[in-house]
Amino acid sequence: MLRRRSKLQYKKYKEQARVAVHARLSYFNSFYNHAYRRVFIKNTKSRWASCSTLGNLNFNYKIIFLPPALQDYLVVHELCHLRHFDHSPAFWALVGEALPAHRAARRALRRIERGVRIT
């Protein structure tokens, strides 16, 4: 039954998440100007977001339940993977250009992950 409720919640909030993610992508990509293909809103079990080698950006619909600063962190993180498909110092420097406090955002997200399952 829990799984069914999760699917119903996904259907309920998917479009709201899509609107929020596209708005933040538009804002931050005006700074980075990276090319990406498609944006998907998914009901993933273990990831908040990801970037494919094809340039597609994937976000968990539960992103809308995060504070705006953490939503921004996830969007910027995935946008930066379009240029650096790793977590190298160059990647983190690029993240830091738009979000100087990215380390604090990452720590806050990790605390949420430890306390709240996103499945």
PDB file of N, CA and C in Angstrom:
ATOM      1  N   MET A   1       0.812  -1.199   0.000  1.00  0.00           N
ATOM      2  CA  MET A   1       0.000   0.000   0.000  1.00  0.00           C
ATOM      3  C   MET A   1       0.859   1.267   0.000  1.00  0.00           C
ATOM      4  N   LEU A   2       1.983   1.220   0.727  1.00  0.00           N
ATOM      5  CA  LEU A   2       2.866   2.374   0.763  1.00  0.00           C
ATOM      6  C   LEU A   2       3.348   2.737  -0.635  1.00  0.00           C
ATOM      7  N   ARG A   3       3.675   1.745  -1.429  1.00  0.00           N
ATOM      8  CA  ARG A   3       4.148   1.985  -2.783  1.00  0.00           C
ATOM      9  C   ARG A   3       3.074   2.670  -3.621  1.00  0.00           C
ATOM     10  N   ARG A   4       1.824   2.227  -3.498  1.00  0.00           N
ATOM     11  CA  ARG A   4       0.735   2.840  -4.248  1.00  0.00           C
ATOM     12  C   ARG A   4       0.584   4.310  -3.860  1.00  0.00           C
ATOM     13  N   ARG A   5       0.672   4.588  -2.563  1.00  0.00           N
ATOM     14  CA  ARG A   5       0.562   5.963  -2.120  1.00  0.00           C
ATOM     15  C   ARG A   5       1.686   6.804  -2.724  1.00  0.00           C
ATOM     16  N   SER A   6       2.881   6.240  -2.824  1.00  0.00           N
ATOM     17  CA  SER A   6       3.997   6.942  -3.423  1.00  0.00           C
ATOM     18  C   SER A   6       3.709   7.272  -4.886  1.00  0.00           C
ATOM     19  N   LYS A   7       3.102   6.331  -5.601  1.00  0.00           N
ATOM     20  CA  LYS A   7       2.762   6.576  -7.005  1.00  0.00           C
ATOM     21  C   LYS A   7       1.701   7.658  -7.132  1.00  0.00           C
ATOM     22  N   LEU A   8       0.734   7.645  -6.222  1.00  0.00           N
ATOM     23  CA  LEU A   8      -0.300   8.679  -6.251  1.00  0.00           C
ATOM     24  C   LEU A   8       0.295  10.048  -5.930  1.00  0.00           C
ATOM     25  N   GLN A   9       1.203  10.084  -4.969  1.00  0.00           N
ATOM     26  CA  GLN A   9       1.866  11.337  -4.618  1.00  0.00           C
ATOM     27  C   GLN A   9       2.684  11.845  -5.803  1.00  0.00           C
ATOM     28  N   TYR A  10       3.372  10.935  -6.483  1.00  0.00           N
ATOM     29  CA  TYR A  10       4.162  11.298  -7.664  1.00  0.00           C
ATOM     30  C   TYR A  10       3.268  11.941  -8.722  1.00  0.00           C
ATOM     31  N   LYS A  11       2.148  11.319  -9.012  1.00  0.00           N
ATOM     32  CA  LYS A  11       1.225  11.873 -10.007  1.00  0.00           C
ATOM     33  C   LYS A  11       0.708  13.242  -9.593  1.00  0.00           C
ATOM     34  N   LYS A  12       0.486  13.414  -8.300  1.00  0.00           N
ATOM     35  CA  LYS A  12      -0.051  14.667  -7.785  1.00  0.00           C
ATOM     36  C   LYS A  12       0.959  15.812  -7.899  1.00  0.00           C
ATOM     37  N   TYR A  13       2.236  15.540  -7.646  1.00  0.00           N
ATOM     38  CA  TYR A  13       3.241  16.598  -7.554  1.00  0.00           C
ATOM     39  C   TYR A  13       4.200  16.694  -8.736  1.00  0.00           C
ATOM     40  N   LYS A  14       4.112  15.784  -9.678  1.00  0.00           N
ATOM     41  CA  LYS A  14       5.056  15.756 -10.800  1.00  0.00           C
ATOM     42  C   LYS A  14       5.058  17.066 -11.589  1.00  0.00           C
ATOM     43  N   GLU A  15       3.896  17.566 -11.936  1.00  0.00           N
ATOM     44  CA  GLU A  15       3.832  18.780 -12.754  1.00  0.00           C
ATOM     45  C   GLU A  15       4.312  19.999 -11.972  1.00  0.00           C
ATOM     46  N   GLN A  16       4.008  20.052 -10.703  1.00  0.00           N
ATOM     47  CA  GLN A  16       4.487  21.147  -9.860  1.00  0.00           C
ATOM     48  C   GLN A  16       6.016  21.130  -9.813  1.00  0.00           C
ATOM     49  N   ALA A  17       6.582  19.946  -9.709  1.00  0.00           N
ATOM     50  CA  ALA A  17       8.043  19.817  -9.706  1.00  0.00           C
ATOM     51  C   ALA A  17       8.625  20.243 -11.049  1.00  0.00           C
ATOM     52  N   ARG A  18       7.971  19.871 -12.133  1.00  0.00           N
ATOM     53  CA  ARG A  18       8.454  20.239 -13.472  1.00  0.00           C
ATOM     54  C   ARG A  18       8.521  21.765 -13.626  1.00  0.00           C
ATOM     55  N   VAL A  19       7.475  22.438 -13.203  1.00  0.00           N
ATOM     56  CA  VAL A  19       7.434  23.898 -13.304  1.00  0.00           C
ATOM     57  C   VAL A  19       8.555  24.521 -12.478  1.00  0.00           C
ATOM     58  N   ALA A  20       8.718  24.049 -11.250  1.00  0.00           N
ATOM     59  CA  ALA A  20       9.752  24.597 -10.366  1.00  0.00           C
ATOM     60  C   ALA A  20      11.151  24.353 -10.931  1.00  0.00           C
ATOM     61  N   VAL A  21      11.403  23.144 -11.409  1.00  0.00           N
ATOM     62  CA  VAL A  21      12.732  22.805 -11.934  1.00  0.00           C
ATOM     63  C   VAL A  21      13.034  23.634 -13.186  1.00  0.00           C
ATOM     64  N   HIS A  22      12.081  23.742 -14.089  1.00  0.00           N
ATOM     65  CA  HIS A  22      12.318  24.528 -15.310  1.00  0.00           C
ATOM     66  C   HIS A  22      12.580  26.001 -14.992  1.00  0.00           C
ATOM     67  N   ALA A  23      11.885  26.530 -13.995  1.00  0.00           N
ATOM     68  CA  ALA A  23      12.109  27.925 -13.613  1.00  0.00           C
ATOM     69  C   ALA A  23      13.530  28.127 -13.099  1.00  0.00           C
ATOM     70  N   ARG A  24      14.004  27.229 -12.243  1.00  0.00           N
ATOM     71  CA  ARG A  24      15.347  27.362 -11.694  1.00  0.00           C
ATOM     72  C   ARG A  24      16.410  27.067 -12.754  1.00  0.00           C
ATOM     73  N   LEU A  25      16.141  26.098 -13.642  1.00  0.00           N
ATOM     74  CA  LEU A  25      17.071  25.830 -14.746  1.00  0.00           C
ATOM     75  C   LEU A  25      17.219  27.066 -15.626  1.00  0.00           C
ATOM     76  N   SER A  26      16.113  27.697 -15.947  1.00  0.00           N
ATOM     77  CA  SER A  26      16.148  28.889 -16.782  1.00  0.00           C
ATOM     78  C   SER A  26      16.966  29.992 -16.102  1.00  0.00           C
ATOM     79  N   TYR A  27      16.730  30.180 -14.831  1.00  0.00           N
ATOM     80  CA  TYR A  27      17.456  31.215 -14.090  1.00  0.00           C
ATOM     81  C   TYR A  27      18.957  30.932 -14.081  1.00  0.00           C
ATOM     82  N   PHE A  28      19.358  29.754 -13.651  1.00  0.00           N
ATOM     83  CA  PHE A  28      20.781  29.456 -13.515  1.00  0.00           C
ATOM     84  C   PHE A  28      21.464  29.232 -14.855  1.00  0.00           C
ATOM     85  N   ASN A  29      20.750  28.736 -15.836  1.00  0.00           N
ATOM     86  CA  ASN A  29      21.386  28.527 -17.130  1.00  0.00           C
ATOM     87  C   ASN A  29      21.588  29.841 -17.878  1.00  0.00           C
ATOM     88  N   SER A  30      20.931  30.896 -17.461  1.00  0.00           N
ATOM     89  CA  SER A  30      21.234  32.204 -18.045  1.00  0.00           C
ATOM     90  C   SER A  30      22.643  32.629 -17.636  1.00  0.00           C
ATOM     91  N   PHE A  31      23.126  32.087 -16.527  1.00  0.00           N
ATOM     92  CA  PHE A  31      24.486  32.328 -16.060  1.00  0.00           C
ATOM     93  C   PHE A  31      25.471  31.395 -16.759  1.00  0.00           C
ATOM     94  N   TYR A  32      25.140  30.102 -16.818  1.00  0.00           N
ATOM     95  CA  TYR A  32      26.069  29.101 -17.365  1.00  0.00           C
ATOM     96  C   TYR A  32      25.977  28.950 -18.874  1.00  0.00           C
ATOM     97  N   ASN A  33      24.778  29.054 -19.410  1.00  0.00           N
ATOM     98  CA  ASN A  33      24.547  28.889 -20.848  1.00  0.00           C
ATOM     99  C   ASN A  33      25.008  27.521 -21.360  1.00  0.00           C
ATOM    100  N   HIS A  34      24.654  26.468 -20.631  1.00  0.00           N
ATOM    101  CA  HIS A  34      24.954  25.101 -21.044  1.00  0.00           C
ATOM    102  C   HIS A  34      23.799  24.541 -21.870  1.00  0.00           C
ATOM    103  N   ALA A  35      24.140  23.739 -22.837  1.00  0.00           N
ATOM    104  CA  ALA A  35      23.109  23.090 -23.658  1.00  0.00           C
ATOM    105  C   ALA A  35      22.714  21.769 -23.000  1.00  0.00           C
ATOM    106  N   TYR A  36      21.422  21.566 -22.839  1.00  0.00           N
ATOM    107  CA  TYR A  36      20.925  20.278 -22.355  1.00  0.00           C
ATOM    108  C   TYR A  36      19.779  19.866 -23.257  1.00  0.00           C
ATOM    109  N   ARG A  37      19.490  18.576 -23.249  1.00  0.00           N
ATOM    110  CA  ARG A  37      18.474  18.055 -24.153  1.00  0.00           C
ATOM    111  C   ARG A  37      17.089  18.096 -23.525  1.00  0.00           C
ATOM    112  N   ARG A  38      16.826  17.156 -22.650  1.00  0.00           N
ATOM    113  CA  ARG A  38      15.495  17.062 -22.061  1.00  0.00           C
ATOM    114  C   ARG A  38      15.588  17.051 -20.547  1.00  0.00           C
ATOM    115  N   VAL A  39      14.479  17.399 -19.930  1.00  0.00           N
ATOM    116  CA  VAL A  39      14.374  17.379 -18.473  1.00  0.00           C
ATOM    117  C   VAL A  39      13.278  16.381 -18.112  1.00  0.00           C
ATOM    118  N   PHE A  40      13.626  15.470 -17.209  1.00  0.00           N
ATOM    119  CA  PHE A  40      12.665  14.460 -16.765  1.00  0.00           C
ATOM    120  C   PHE A  40      12.430  14.617 -15.272  1.00  0.00           C
ATOM    121  N   ILE A  41      11.177  14.462 -14.889  1.00  0.00           N
ATOM    122  CA  ILE A  41      10.811  14.435 -13.476  1.00  0.00           C
ATOM    123  C   ILE A  41      10.434  12.994 -13.176  1.00  0.00           C
ATOM    124  N   LYS A  42      11.168  12.394 -12.247  1.00  0.00           N
ATOM    125  CA  LYS A  42      11.004  10.968 -11.985  1.00  0.00           C
ATOM    126  C   LYS A  42      10.682  10.701 -10.524  1.00  0.00           C
ATOM    127  N   ASN A  43      10.324   9.467 -10.255  1.00  0.00           N
ATOM    128  CA  ASN A  43      10.079   9.006  -8.887  1.00  0.00           C
ATOM    129  C   ASN A  43      11.172   8.002  -8.549  1.00  0.00           C
ATOM    130  N   THR A  44      12.392   8.508  -8.430  1.00  0.00           N
ATOM    131  CA  THR A  44      13.534   7.635  -8.170  1.00  0.00           C
ATOM    132  C   THR A  44      13.605   7.267  -6.698  1.00  0.00           C
ATOM    133  N   LYS A  45      14.250   6.151  -6.426  1.00  0.00           N
ATOM    134  CA  LYS A  45      14.328   5.662  -5.052  1.00  0.00           C
ATOM    135  C   LYS A  45      15.517   6.224  -4.293  1.00  0.00           C
ATOM    136  N   SER A  46      16.620   6.487  -4.968  1.00  0.00           N
ATOM    137  CA  SER A  46      17.824   6.827  -4.219  1.00  0.00           C
ATOM    138  C   SER A  46      18.556   8.073  -4.710  1.00  0.00           C
ATOM    139  N   ARG A  47      18.027   8.786  -5.671  1.00  0.00           N
ATOM    140  CA  ARG A  47      18.729   9.968  -6.178  1.00  0.00           C
ATOM    141  C   ARG A  47      17.800  11.170  -6.204  1.00  0.00           C
ATOM    142  N   TRP A  48      18.376  12.310  -5.874  1.00  0.00           N
ATOM    143  CA  TRP A  48      17.633  13.556  -5.996  1.00  0.00           C
ATOM    144  C   TRP A  48      17.658  14.035  -7.443  1.00  0.00           C
ATOM    145  N   ALA A  49      18.773  13.791  -8.119  1.00  0.00           N
ATOM    146  CA  ALA A  49      18.914  14.274  -9.495  1.00  0.00           C
ATOM    147  C   ALA A  49      20.085  13.559 -10.152  1.00  0.00           C
ATOM    148  N   SER A  50      20.119  13.633 -11.490  1.00  0.00           N
ATOM    149  CA  SER A  50      21.236  13.067 -12.236  1.00  0.00           C
ATOM    150  C   SER A  50      21.306  13.728 -13.602  1.00  0.00           C
ATOM    151  N   CYS A  51      22.444  13.517 -14.249  1.00  0.00           N
ATOM    152  CA  CYS A  51      22.684  14.045 -15.588  1.00  0.00           C
ATOM    153  C   CYS A  51      23.196  12.892 -16.436  1.00  0.00           C
ATOM    154  N   SER A  52      22.603  12.690 -17.601  1.00  0.00           N
ATOM    155  CA  SER A  52      23.051  11.602 -18.466  1.00  0.00           C
ATOM    156  C   SER A  52      24.136  12.096 -19.418  1.00  0.00           C
ATOM    157  N   THR A  53      24.867  11.163 -19.977  1.00  0.00           N
ATOM    158  CA  THR A  53      25.908  11.522 -20.947  1.00  0.00           C
ATOM    159  C   THR A  53      25.298  12.093 -22.224  1.00  0.00           C
ATOM    160  N   LEU A  54      24.007  11.904 -22.415  1.00  0.00           N
ATOM    161  CA  LEU A  54      23.317  12.473 -23.578  1.00  0.00           C
ATOM    162  C   LEU A  54      22.897  13.921 -23.345  1.00  0.00           C
ATOM    163  N   GLY A  55      23.090  14.403 -22.124  1.00  0.00           N
ATOM    164  CA  GLY A  55      22.710  15.777 -21.807  1.00  0.00           C
ATOM    165  C   GLY A  55      21.299  15.920 -21.272  1.00  0.00           C
ATOM    166  N   ASN A  56      20.704  14.818 -20.855  1.00  0.00           N
ATOM    167  CA  ASN A  56      19.382  14.878 -20.238  1.00  0.00           C
ATOM    168  C   ASN A  56      19.545  15.092 -18.737  1.00  0.00           C
ATOM    169  N   LEU A  57      18.662  15.894 -18.169  1.00  0.00           N
ATOM    170  CA  LEU A  57      18.679  16.166 -16.739  1.00  0.00           C
ATOM    171  C   LEU A  57      17.475  15.496 -16.094  1.00  0.00           C
ATOM    172  N   ASN A  58      17.726  14.786 -15.019  1.00  0.00           N
ATOM    173  CA  ASN A  58      16.681  14.047 -14.314  1.00  0.00           C
ATOM    174  C   ASN A  58      16.583  14.565 -12.887  1.00  0.00           C
ATOM    175  N   PHE A  59      15.351  14.783 -12.429  1.00  0.00           N
ATOM    176  CA  PHE A  59      15.132  15.268 -11.074  1.00  0.00           C
ATOM    177  C   PHE A  59      14.043  14.452 -10.410  1.00  0.00           C
ATOM    178  N   ASN A  60      14.228  14.177  -9.129  1.00  0.00           N
ATOM    179  CA  ASN A  60      13.217  13.514  -8.337  1.00  0.00           C
ATOM    180  C   ASN A  60      12.105  14.527  -8.072  1.00  0.00           C
ATOM    181  N   TYR A  61      10.852  14.099  -8.203  1.00  0.00           N
ATOM    182  CA  TYR A  61       9.738  15.017  -7.985  1.00  0.00           C
ATOM    183  C   TYR A  61       9.729  15.585  -6.568  1.00  0.00           C
ATOM    184  N   LYS A  62      10.363  14.898  -5.626  1.00  0.00           N
ATOM    185  CA  LYS A  62      10.371  15.344  -4.237  1.00  0.00           C
ATOM    186  C   LYS A  62      11.274  16.553  -4.017  1.00  0.00           C
ATOM    187  N   ILE A  63      11.903  17.018  -5.088  1.00  0.00           N
ATOM    188  CA  ILE A  63      12.716  18.227  -4.994  1.00  0.00           C
ATOM    189  C   ILE A  63      11.866  19.402  -4.502  1.00  0.00           C
ATOM    190  N   ILE A  64      10.580  19.391  -4.813  1.00  0.00           N
ATOM    191  CA  ILE A  64       9.731  20.518  -4.416  1.00  0.00           C
ATOM    192  C   ILE A  64       9.502  20.581  -2.914  1.00  0.00           C
ATOM    193  N   PHE A  65       9.803  19.507  -2.201  1.00  0.00           N
ATOM    194  CA  PHE A  65       9.640  19.491  -0.751  1.00  0.00           C
ATOM    195  C   PHE A  65      10.896  19.982  -0.033  1.00  0.00           C
ATOM    196  N   LEU A  66      11.938  20.277  -0.786  1.00  0.00           N
ATOM    197  CA  LEU A  66      13.182  20.786  -0.211  1.00  0.00           C
ATOM    198  C   LEU A  66      13.131  22.306  -0.099  1.00  0.00           C
ATOM    199  N   PRO A  67      13.917  22.880   0.804  1.00  0.00           N
ATOM    200  CA  PRO A  67      14.031  24.337   0.860  1.00  0.00           C
ATOM    201  C   PRO A  67      14.577  24.869  -0.474  1.00  0.00           C
ATOM    202  N   PRO A  68      14.200  26.080  -0.865  1.00  0.00           N
ATOM    203  CA  PRO A  68      14.657  26.644  -2.152  1.00  0.00           C
ATOM    204  C   PRO A  68      16.170  26.607  -2.351  1.00  0.00           C
ATOM    205  N   ALA A  69      16.949  26.842  -1.308  1.00  0.00           N
ATOM    206  CA  ALA A  69      18.415  26.824  -1.461  1.00  0.00           C
ATOM    207  C   ALA A  69      18.912  25.444  -1.868  1.00  0.00           C
ATOM    208  N   LEU A  70      18.273  24.394  -1.374  1.00  0.00           N
ATOM    209  CA  LEU A  70      18.688  23.032  -1.746  1.00  0.00           C
ATOM    210  C   LEU A  70      18.186  22.670  -3.133  1.00  0.00           C
ATOM    211  N   GLN A  71      17.031  23.173  -3.519  1.00  0.00           N
ATOM    212  CA  GLN A  71      16.560  22.991  -4.890  1.00  0.00           C
ATOM    213  C   GLN A  71      17.570  23.621  -5.848  1.00  0.00           C
ATOM    214  N   ASP A  72      17.996  24.832  -5.526  1.00  0.00           N
ATOM    215  CA  ASP A  72      18.978  25.523  -6.366  1.00  0.00           C
ATOM    216  C   ASP A  72      20.278  24.737  -6.445  1.00  0.00           C
ATOM    217  N   TYR A  73      20.725  24.204  -5.314  1.00  0.00           N
ATOM    218  CA  TYR A  73      21.956  23.417  -5.302  1.00  0.00           C
ATOM    219  C   TYR A  73      21.847  22.231  -6.263  1.00  0.00           C
ATOM    220  N   LEU A  74      20.738  21.517  -6.217  1.00  0.00           N
ATOM    221  CA  LEU A  74      20.575  20.348  -7.098  1.00  0.00           C
ATOM    222  C   LEU A  74      20.553  20.758  -8.568  1.00  0.00           C
ATOM    223  N   VAL A  75      19.873  21.837  -8.878  1.00  0.00           N
ATOM    224  CA  VAL A  75      19.802  22.304 -10.266  1.00  0.00           C
ATOM    225  C   VAL A  75      21.185  22.724 -10.759  1.00  0.00           C
ATOM    226  N   VAL A  76      21.887  23.501  -9.971  1.00  0.00           N
ATOM    227  CA  VAL A  76      23.229  23.954 -10.369  1.00  0.00           C
ATOM    228  C   VAL A  76      24.178  22.772 -10.490  1.00  0.00           C
ATOM    229  N   HIS A  77      24.100  21.848  -9.542  1.00  0.00           N
ATOM    230  CA  HIS A  77      24.956  20.660  -9.566  1.00  0.00           C
ATOM    231  C   HIS A  77      24.799  19.916 -10.897  1.00  0.00           C
ATOM    232  N   GLU A  78      23.563  19.683 -11.297  1.00  0.00           N
ATOM    233  CA  GLU A  78      23.344  18.937 -12.554  1.00  0.00           C
ATOM    234  C   GLU A  78      23.727  19.769 -13.771  1.00  0.00           C
ATOM    235  N   LEU A  79      23.454  21.055 -13.757  1.00  0.00           N
ATOM    236  CA  LEU A  79      23.895  21.902 -14.874  1.00  0.00           C
ATOM    237  C   LEU A  79      25.415  21.845 -15.042  1.00  0.00           C
ATOM    238  N   CYS A  80      26.140  21.851 -13.945  1.00  0.00           N
ATOM    239  CA  CYS A  80      27.605  21.826 -14.020  1.00  0.00           C
ATOM    240  C   CYS A  80      28.129  20.489 -14.525  1.00  0.00           C
ATOM    241  N   HIS A  81      27.361  19.427 -14.340  1.00  0.00           N
ATOM    242  CA  HIS A  81      27.764  18.140 -14.898  1.00  0.00           C
ATOM    243  C   HIS A  81      27.722  18.154 -16.430  1.00  0.00           C
ATOM    244  N   LEU A  82      27.031  19.083 -17.014  1.00  0.00           N
ATOM    245  CA  LEU A  82      27.017  19.179 -18.470  1.00  0.00           C
ATOM    246  C   LEU A  82      28.389  19.592 -19.010  1.00  0.00           C
ATOM    247  N   ARG A  83      29.167  20.299 -18.203  1.00  0.00           N
ATOM    248  CA  ARG A  83      30.519  20.677 -18.608  1.00  0.00           C
ATOM    249  C   ARG A  83      31.570  19.731 -18.041  1.00  0.00           C
ATOM    250  N   HIS A  84      31.397  19.322 -16.796  1.00  0.00           N
ATOM    251  CA  HIS A  84      32.338  18.422 -16.127  1.00  0.00           C
ATOM    252  C   HIS A  84      31.547  17.218 -15.618  1.00  0.00           C
ATOM    253  N   PHE A  85      31.687  16.106 -16.300  1.00  0.00           N
ATOM    254  CA  PHE A  85      30.907  14.915 -15.941  1.00  0.00           C
ATOM    255  C   PHE A  85      31.647  14.120 -14.861  1.00  0.00           C
ATOM    256  N   ASP A  86      32.002  14.818 -13.779  1.00  0.00           N
ATOM    257  CA  ASP A  86      32.730  14.214 -12.662  1.00  0.00           C
ATOM    258  C   ASP A  86      32.558  15.126 -11.455  1.00  0.00           C
ATOM    259  N   HIS A  87      33.262  14.833 -10.394  1.00  0.00           N
ATOM    260  CA  HIS A  87      33.261  15.703  -9.221  1.00  0.00           C
ATOM    261  C   HIS A  87      34.675  16.212  -8.953  1.00  0.00           C
ATOM    262  N   SER A  88      35.317  16.650 -10.001  1.00  0.00           N
ATOM    263  CA  SER A  88      36.682  17.164  -9.923  1.00  0.00           C
ATOM    264  C   SER A  88      36.700  18.558  -9.294  1.00  0.00           C
ATOM    265  N   PRO A  89      37.880  19.042  -8.942  1.00  0.00           N
ATOM    266  CA  PRO A  89      37.967  20.422  -8.443  1.00  0.00           C
ATOM    267  C   PRO A  89      37.411  21.445  -9.444  1.00  0.00           C
ATOM    268  N   ALA A  90      37.583  21.187 -10.732  1.00  0.00           N
ATOM    269  CA  ALA A  90      37.031  22.103 -11.748  1.00  0.00           C
ATOM    270  C   ALA A  90      35.494  22.112 -11.699  1.00  0.00           C
ATOM    271  N   PHE A  91      34.915  20.946 -11.459  1.00  0.00           N
ATOM    272  CA  PHE A  91      33.455  20.862 -11.325  1.00  0.00           C
ATOM    273  C   PHE A  91      32.986  21.703 -10.152  1.00  0.00           C
ATOM    274  N   TRP A  92      33.605  21.499  -8.982  1.00  0.00           N
ATOM    275  CA  TRP A  92      33.180  22.227  -7.785  1.00  0.00           C
ATOM    276  C   TRP A  92      33.430  23.724  -7.914  1.00  0.00           C
ATOM    277  N   ALA A  93      34.481  24.108  -8.614  1.00  0.00           N
ATOM    278  CA  ALA A  93      34.727  25.535  -8.854  1.00  0.00           C
ATOM    279  C   ALA A  93      33.606  26.126  -9.700  1.00  0.00           C
ATOM    280  N   LEU A  94      33.140  25.363 -10.683  1.00  0.00           N
ATOM    281  CA  LEU A  94      32.039  25.824 -11.529  1.00  0.00           C
ATOM    282  C   LEU A  94      30.750  25.949 -10.719  1.00  0.00           C
ATOM    283  N   VAL A  95      30.480  24.993  -9.861  1.00  0.00           N
ATOM    284  CA  VAL A  95      29.314  25.075  -8.972  1.00  0.00           C
ATOM    285  C   VAL A  95      29.430  26.322  -8.109  1.00  0.00           C
ATOM    286  N   GLY A  96      30.620  26.561  -7.581  1.00  0.00           N
ATOM    287  CA  GLY A  96      30.853  27.695  -6.697  1.00  0.00           C
ATOM    288  C   GLY A  96      30.684  29.049  -7.346  1.00  0.00           C
ATOM    289  N   GLU A  97      30.778  29.114  -8.660  1.00  0.00           N
ATOM    290  CA  GLU A  97      30.572  30.384  -9.348  1.00  0.00           C
ATOM    291  C   GLU A  97      29.153  30.904  -9.131  1.00  0.00           C
ATOM    292  N   ALA A  98      28.176  30.023  -9.129  1.00  0.00           N
ATOM    293  CA  ALA A  98      26.788  30.435  -8.927  1.00  0.00           C
ATOM    294  C   ALA A  98      26.355  30.291  -7.473  1.00  0.00           C
ATOM    295  N   LEU A  99      26.938  29.314  -6.787  1.00  0.00           N
ATOM    296  CA  LEU A  99      26.554  29.046  -5.389  1.00  0.00           C
ATOM    297  C   LEU A  99      27.792  28.965  -4.504  1.00  0.00           C
ATOM    298  N   PRO A 100      28.280  30.103  -4.048  1.00  0.00           N
ATOM    299  CA  PRO A 100      29.477  30.068  -3.201  1.00  0.00           C
ATOM    300  C   PRO A 100      29.297  29.219  -1.938  1.00  0.00           C
ATOM    301  N   ALA A 101      28.075  29.076  -1.449  1.00  0.00           N
ATOM    302  CA  ALA A 101      27.810  28.290  -0.236  1.00  0.00           C
ATOM    303  C   ALA A 101      27.394  26.855  -0.566  1.00  0.00           C
ATOM    304  N   HIS A 102      27.888  26.318  -1.675  1.00  0.00           N
ATOM    305  CA  HIS A 102      27.468  24.981  -2.097  1.00  0.00           C
ATOM    306  C   HIS A 102      27.853  23.901  -1.095  1.00  0.00           C
ATOM    307  N   ARG A 103      28.946  24.074  -0.373  1.00  0.00           N
ATOM    308  CA  ARG A 103      29.344  23.053   0.607  1.00  0.00           C
ATOM    309  C   ARG A 103      28.314  22.946   1.734  1.00  0.00           C
ATOM    310  N   ALA A 104      27.826  24.064   2.194  1.00  0.00           N
ATOM    311  CA  ALA A 104      26.804  24.058   3.247  1.00  0.00           C
ATOM    312  C   ALA A 104      25.508  23.438   2.721  1.00  0.00           C
ATOM    313  N   ALA A 105      25.164  23.724   1.480  1.00  0.00           N
ATOM    314  CA  ALA A 105      23.956  23.135   0.889  1.00  0.00           C
ATOM    315  C   ALA A 105      24.102  21.626   0.776  1.00  0.00           C
ATOM    316  N   ARG A 106      25.277  21.185   0.378  1.00  0.00           N
ATOM    317  CA  ARG A 106      25.506  19.744   0.257  1.00  0.00           C
ATOM    318  C   ARG A 106      25.407  19.054   1.619  1.00  0.00           C
ATOM    319  N   ARG A 107      25.978  19.670   2.644  1.00  0.00           N
ATOM    320  CA  ARG A 107      25.876  19.103   3.988  1.00  0.00           C
ATOM    321  C   ARG A 107      24.421  19.049   4.461  1.00  0.00           C
ATOM    322  N   ALA A 108      23.668  20.097   4.201  1.00  0.00           N
ATOM    323  CA  ALA A 108      22.254  20.132   4.597  1.00  0.00           C
ATOM    324  C   ALA A 108      21.466  19.037   3.878  1.00  0.00           C
ATOM    325  N   LEU A 109      21.755  18.839   2.613  1.00  0.00           N
ATOM    326  CA  LEU A 109      21.075  17.787   1.855  1.00  0.00           C
ATOM    327  C   LEU A 109      21.419  16.412   2.413  1.00  0.00           C
ATOM    328  N   ARG A 110      22.659  16.204   2.785  1.00  0.00           N
ATOM    329  CA  ARG A 110      23.072  14.918   3.366  1.00  0.00           C
ATOM    330  C   ARG A 110      22.369  14.671   4.705  1.00  0.00           C
ATOM    331  N   ARG A 111      22.198  15.731   5.499  1.00  0.00           N
ATOM    332  CA  ARG A 111      21.476  15.571   6.767  1.00  0.00           C
ATOM    333  C   ARG A 111      20.027  15.161   6.517  1.00  0.00           C
ATOM    334  N   ILE A 112      19.410  15.755   5.525  1.00  0.00           N
ATOM    335  CA  ILE A 112      18.028  15.390   5.169  1.00  0.00           C
ATOM    336  C   ILE A 112      17.984  13.952   4.719  1.00  0.00           C
ATOM    337  N   GLU A 113      18.939  13.529   3.902  1.00  0.00           N
ATOM    338  CA  GLU A 113      18.959  12.148   3.418  1.00  0.00           C
ATOM    339  C   GLU A 113      19.089  11.147   4.565  1.00  0.00           C
ATOM    340  N   ARG A 114      19.869  11.482   5.563  1.00  0.00           N
ATOM    341  CA  ARG A 114      20.031  10.573   6.695  1.00  0.00           C
ATOM    342  C   ARG A 114      18.760  10.490   7.537  1.00  0.00           C
ATOM    343  N   GLY A 115      18.009  11.588   7.591  1.00  0.00           N
ATOM    344  CA  GLY A 115      16.829  11.623   8.442  1.00  0.00           C
ATOM    345  C   GLY A 115      15.531  11.292   7.749  1.00  0.00           C
ATOM    346  N   VAL A 116      15.486  11.478   6.427  1.00  0.00           N
ATOM    347  CA  VAL A 116      14.244  11.284   5.680  1.00  0.00           C
ATOM    348  C   VAL A 116      14.534  10.453   4.450  1.00  0.00           C
ATOM    349  N   ARG A 117      13.892   9.315   4.342  1.00  0.00           N
ATOM    350  CA  ARG A 117      14.046   8.497   3.139  1.00  0.00           C
ATOM    351  C   ARG A 117      13.320   9.166   1.987  1.00  0.00           C
ATOM    352  N   ILE A 118      13.891   9.107   0.800  1.00  0.00           N
ATOM    353  CA  ILE A 118      13.248   9.727  -0.361  1.00  0.00           C
ATOM    354  C   ILE A 118      12.607   8.674  -1.251  1.00  0.00           C
ATOM    355  N   THR A 119      12.351   7.498  -0.724  1.00  0.00           N
ATOM    356  CA  THR A 119      11.727   6.439  -1.513  1.00  0.00           C
ATOM    357  C   THR A 119      10.228   6.521  -1.441  1.00  0.00           C
TER     358      THR A 119
END
